[in-house]
Amino acid sequence: MSKRTTTPTRNQVAVWAERKRDFLMISAFGMWATILGLSPVVLFRALS
């Protein structure tokens, strides 16, 4: 028996790219939420 290697189809590549895009978008949103949420606290602590 021979092993067949399958190359990723166009749909599999599109699904992977969509997951990567979703992860990057959520990470960027989380980063901005953290920065905007912590900046008043850090500023308050620095001034007091």
Protein backbone atom coordinates (compact mmCIF):
# COMPACT_ATOMS: atom_id res chain seq x y z
CA MET A 1 0.00 0.00 0.00
CA SER A 2 1.18 3.44 -0.75
CA LYS A 3 0.59 6.42 1.42
CA ARG A 4 -1.16 9.27 -0.25
CA THR A 5 -0.10 12.70 0.85
CA THR A 6 -2.81 15.25 0.53
CA THR A 7 -2.09 18.83 -0.21
CA PRO A 8 -4.28 21.38 1.50
CA THR A 9 -7.23 22.36 -0.58
CA ARG A 10 -8.24 25.91 -1.19
CA ASN A 11 -11.00 25.62 1.39
CA GLN A 12 -8.64 24.31 4.09
CA VAL A 13 -6.25 27.20 3.47
CA ALA A 14 -9.13 29.68 3.63
CA VAL A 15 -10.32 28.24 6.95
CA TRP A 16 -6.80 28.45 8.39
CA ALA A 17 -6.39 32.04 7.18
CA GLU A 18 -9.76 32.98 8.68
CA ARG A 19 -8.81 31.48 12.05
CA LYS A 20 -5.50 33.33 11.99
CA ARG A 21 -7.24 36.61 11.14
CA ASP A 22 -9.78 36.08 13.93
CA PHE A 23 -7.02 35.35 16.46
CA LEU A 24 -5.07 38.47 15.46
CA MET A 25 -8.19 40.63 15.61
CA ILE A 26 -9.13 39.36 19.08
CA SER A 27 -5.54 39.78 20.29
CA ALA A 28 -5.40 43.35 19.02
CA PHE A 29 -8.75 44.14 20.67
CA GLY A 30 -7.53 42.66 23.94
CA MET A 31 -4.30 44.63 23.78
CA TRP A 32 -6.12 47.93 23.25
CA ALA A 33 -8.65 47.11 25.99
CA THR A 34 -5.79 46.42 28.39
CA ILE A 35 -3.94 49.60 27.48
CA LEU A 36 -7.04 51.78 27.71
CA GLY A 37 -8.19 50.10 30.90
CA LEU A 38 -4.86 50.28 32.73
CA SER A 39 -3.71 53.72 31.62
CA PRO A 40 -6.02 55.66 34.01
CA VAL A 41 -4.96 53.40 36.89
CA VAL A 42 -1.25 53.86 36.13
CA LEU A 43 -1.69 57.60 35.70
CA PHE A 44 -3.59 57.86 38.98
CA ARG A 45 -0.91 55.85 40.81
CA ALA A 46 1.86 57.97 39.29
CA LEU A 47 0.23 61.25 40.30
CA SER A 48 -0.69 60.24 43.84
